[in-house]
Protein backbone atom coordinates (compact mmCIF):
# COMPACT_ATOMS: atom_id res chain seq x y z
CA UNK A 1 117.48 43.24 112.85
CA UNK A 2 118.03 42.18 109.24
CA UNK A 3 121.07 40.06 110.10
CA UNK A 4 118.97 37.08 111.05
CA UNK A 5 116.19 37.67 108.51
CA UNK A 6 117.14 34.97 105.99
CA UNK A 7 117.43 32.11 108.51
CA UNK A 8 114.27 33.25 110.26
CA UNK A 9 112.39 33.42 106.94
CA UNK A 10 113.55 29.90 106.08
CA UNK A 11 112.44 28.70 109.52
CA UNK A 12 109.05 30.36 109.01
CA UNK A 13 108.63 28.69 105.61
CA UNK A 14 109.48 25.33 107.15
CA UNK A 15 106.95 26.07 109.95
CA UNK A 16 109.66 25.86 112.61
CA UNK A 17 109.51 28.28 115.55
CA UNK A 18 111.29 31.57 114.98
CA UNK A 19 114.47 32.35 116.86
CA UNK A 20 113.78 35.45 118.92
CA UNK A 21 116.27 37.96 120.22
CA UNK A 22 116.14 39.20 123.80
CA UNK A 23 114.72 42.54 122.61
CA UNK A 24 111.96 40.79 120.67
CA UNK A 25 111.00 38.67 123.66
CA UNK A 26 111.00 41.71 125.95
CA UNK A 27 108.82 43.72 123.56
CA UNK A 28 106.41 40.79 123.12
CA UNK A 29 105.76 40.85 126.88
CA UNK A 30 104.51 44.42 126.54
CA UNK A 31 102.13 43.51 123.69
CA UNK A 32 99.94 41.74 126.23
CA UNK A 33 99.27 45.07 127.94
CA UNK A 34 98.34 47.08 124.84
CA UNK A 35 94.72 47.29 123.74
CA UNK A 36 94.43 45.95 120.21
CA UNK A 37 94.40 48.61 117.52
CA UNK A 38 95.53 51.53 119.68
CA UNK A 39 98.29 53.87 118.52
CA UNK A 40 101.73 53.40 120.13
CA UNK A 41 104.56 55.94 120.12
CA UNK A 42 108.02 54.37 120.27
CA UNK A 43 111.60 54.73 119.06
CA UNK A 44 111.14 51.59 116.92
CA UNK A 45 107.62 51.68 115.43
CA UNK A 46 108.19 48.81 112.99
CA UNK A 47 108.96 46.33 115.74
CA UNK A 48 105.81 47.29 117.64
CA UNK A 49 103.70 47.04 114.50
CA UNK A 50 105.15 43.71 113.34
CA UNK A 51 105.16 42.01 116.76
CA UNK A 52 102.06 43.45 118.39
CA UNK A 53 99.92 44.40 115.38
CA UNK A 54 99.28 47.90 116.70
CA UNK A 55 99.75 50.98 114.54
CA UNK A 56 102.86 52.81 115.71
CA UNK A 57 104.57 56.15 115.21
CA UNK A 58 108.12 57.31 115.86
CA UNK A 59 108.60 58.96 119.19
CA UNK A 60 110.80 62.04 118.71
CA UNK A 61 114.07 61.67 120.59
CA UNK A 62 114.38 65.33 121.54
CA UNK A 63 111.33 65.67 123.80
CA UNK A 64 113.43 66.13 126.92
CA UNK A 65 113.58 69.87 126.28
CA UNK A 66 110.27 70.98 127.79
CA UNK A 67 107.05 69.60 129.25
CA UNK A 68 105.10 71.93 126.94
CA UNK A 69 106.64 70.33 123.85
CA UNK A 70 105.96 66.84 125.25
CA UNK A 71 102.32 67.77 125.84
CA UNK A 72 102.01 69.28 122.35
CA UNK A 73 103.43 66.22 120.60
CA UNK A 74 101.24 63.82 122.61
CA UNK A 75 98.15 66.02 122.01
CA UNK A 76 98.80 66.24 118.27
CA UNK A 77 99.59 62.57 117.68
CA UNK A 78 97.21 61.23 120.37
CA UNK A 79 98.85 57.86 121.02
CA UNK A 80 97.34 55.64 123.70
CA UNK A 81 100.72 54.24 124.74
CA UNK A 82 104.39 55.17 124.77
CA UNK A 83 107.13 52.54 124.85
CA UNK A 84 110.16 53.89 126.68
CA UNK A 85 113.63 52.40 126.38
CA UNK A 86 115.75 52.41 129.53
CA UNK A 87 119.09 54.08 129.19
CA UNK A 88 121.32 56.84 130.43
CA UNK A 89 120.65 59.12 127.49
CA UNK A 90 118.80 62.29 128.61
CA UNK A 91 116.50 62.09 125.57
CA UNK A 92 115.12 58.83 127.00
CA UNK A 93 114.90 59.93 130.63
CA UNK A 94 111.92 62.30 130.17
CA UNK A 95 109.58 59.37 129.54
CA UNK A 96 110.04 57.97 133.06
CA UNK A 97 109.59 61.41 134.67
CA UNK A 98 106.71 62.71 132.60
CA UNK A 99 103.48 63.45 134.49
CA UNK A 100 101.64 62.87 131.18
CA UNK A 101 102.44 59.15 131.27
CA UNK A 102 101.36 56.36 133.66
CA UNK A 103 103.61 53.29 133.94
CA UNK A 104 101.73 50.12 132.95
CA UNK A 105 104.36 47.36 132.63
CA UNK A 106 108.08 46.76 132.17
CA UNK A 107 109.99 44.02 130.44
CA UNK A 108 113.78 44.01 130.21
CA UNK A 109 114.91 47.37 128.91
CA UNK A 110 111.41 48.43 127.72
CA UNK A 111 108.69 50.12 129.76
CA UNK A 112 105.12 50.65 128.60
CA UNK A 113 103.32 53.84 129.60
CA UNK A 114 99.69 54.80 129.09
CA UNK A 115 99.14 58.42 128.00
CA UNK A 116 97.06 60.41 130.47
CA UNK A 117 94.91 62.53 128.24
CA UNK A 118 91.91 64.72 128.66
CA UNK A 119 91.27 64.94 124.92
CA UNK A 120 89.75 62.43 122.53
CA UNK A 121 91.74 59.36 121.52
CA UNK A 122 92.30 58.27 117.95
CA UNK A 123 89.80 55.79 116.64
CA UNK A 124 90.81 52.20 117.25
CA UNK A 125 92.36 50.63 114.18
CA UNK A 126 90.88 47.25 113.23
CA UNK A 127 93.84 45.88 111.33
CA UNK A 128 94.91 42.35 110.53
CA UNK A 129 96.62 40.17 113.13
CA UNK A 130 100.34 40.81 113.74
CA UNK A 131 102.55 39.53 110.91
CA UNK A 132 104.23 37.33 113.49
CA UNK A 133 100.97 35.30 113.63
CA UNK A 134 100.35 34.99 109.89
CA UNK A 135 98.99 31.54 109.16
CA UNK A 136 99.37 30.38 112.76
CA UNK A 137 95.81 30.62 114.04
CA UNK A 138 94.13 32.01 117.15
CA UNK A 139 96.57 30.41 119.62
CA UNK A 140 99.35 32.73 118.42
CA UNK A 141 97.14 35.75 119.05
CA UNK A 142 96.38 34.60 122.58
CA UNK A 143 100.11 34.23 123.22
CA UNK A 144 100.92 37.72 121.87
CA UNK A 145 98.29 39.73 123.65
CA UNK A 146 95.44 39.69 126.01
CA UNK A 147 92.04 40.19 124.45
CA UNK A 148 90.88 43.79 124.17
CA UNK A 149 88.26 45.03 126.59
């Protein structure tokens, strides 16, 4: 991720469009489906936070061990969404099979799931716009996500 940081920063300073990797583009497609300010659990929380503007936490990679542990982690952290990464690793496979999650959208190797929860959600975070949209105006926000209900 840092390999292209210097050229991208220079492009940003010159107000040229940023070069986006395939993963960035795929993740941006999922931002449209997330309600603004809701907590997202993912393997790469910084990318979700920087691209989508949502608060994000690290999704533990060892939750394939038991449904009880999955339920406990999701109940304790109370995310609204989980971003799953497709792959053959068993630690990633539980996300697609979990009865606690409802598939919302997919883009490339990423899949967005909404957490089915009986309990209260975390309060919605009213943070600044995504860093990706800094200084770019409302049009950037409309491109990144749909408006929250």
